[in-house]
Protein backbone atom coordinates (compact mmCIF):
# COMPACT_ATOMS: atom_id res chain seq x y z
CA MET A 1 92.42 85.67 128.19
CA PHE A 2 94.00 88.20 124.81
CA TYR A 3 97.20 90.00 124.87
CA VAL A 4 96.71 92.88 122.48
CA ASN A 5 98.70 95.20 122.88
CA PRO A 6 99.54 98.41 119.71
CA ALA A 7 102.05 99.89 121.18
CA ASP A 8 104.10 97.02 121.36
CA PRO A 9 106.74 95.66 118.40
CA SER A 10 107.41 91.94 119.96
CA ILE A 11 104.37 89.45 118.20
CA LEU A 12 105.27 86.65 119.96
CA VAL A 13 104.80 87.21 124.41
CA GLU A 14 105.34 85.61 127.67
CA LYS A 15 102.40 84.56 129.37
CA ARG A 16 101.72 86.83 132.82
CA PHE A 17 100.40 83.21 134.45
CA GLY A 18 101.98 79.96 133.17
CA ILE A 19 104.99 78.49 131.54
CA GLY A 20 104.65 79.49 127.63
CA TYR A 21 104.01 82.38 125.11
CA THR A 22 100.75 83.88 123.46
CA VAL A 23 100.59 85.81 121.14
CA ASN A 24 100.47 89.67 120.48
CA LEU A 25 97.13 90.26 118.67
CA GLY A 26 97.74 93.67 118.09
CA ASN A 27 100.50 93.34 116.23
CA ARG A 28 100.14 92.75 112.47
CA TRP A 29 102.26 89.96 111.58
CA SER A 30 100.81 88.62 114.12
CA TRP A 31 98.18 87.73 111.97
CA VAL A 32 100.42 87.42 109.00
CA ALA A 33 101.92 84.83 110.92
CA LEU A 34 98.28 83.00 112.40
CA VAL A 35 97.20 82.64 108.18
CA VAL A 36 100.58 81.43 107.20
CA VAL A 37 99.84 78.66 109.76
CA LEU A 38 97.07 78.61 110.00
CA VAL A 39 95.56 78.36 106.19
CA PRO A 40 97.67 74.73 105.43
CA ALA A 41 96.86 73.60 108.09
CA ALA A 42 93.20 74.09 107.25
CA LEU A 43 93.77 72.74 103.76
CA GLY A 44 95.43 69.90 104.62
CA VAL A 45 92.03 68.76 106.68
CA ILE A 46 89.76 69.79 104.20
CA PHE A 47 91.99 67.31 101.20
CA LEU A 48 92.50 64.70 102.91
CA ARG A 49 89.29 63.85 104.25
């Protein structure tokens, strides 16, 4: 369900089943990318209510 591999330098990896990509949660930079995307989205929901 989740891809966690600290030895893999990729932030995005192809899904094993289906079409698309998933985030490598073992990579520190993927967490930074998730925060960069989710924080503005959350702030938009909070302030535009």
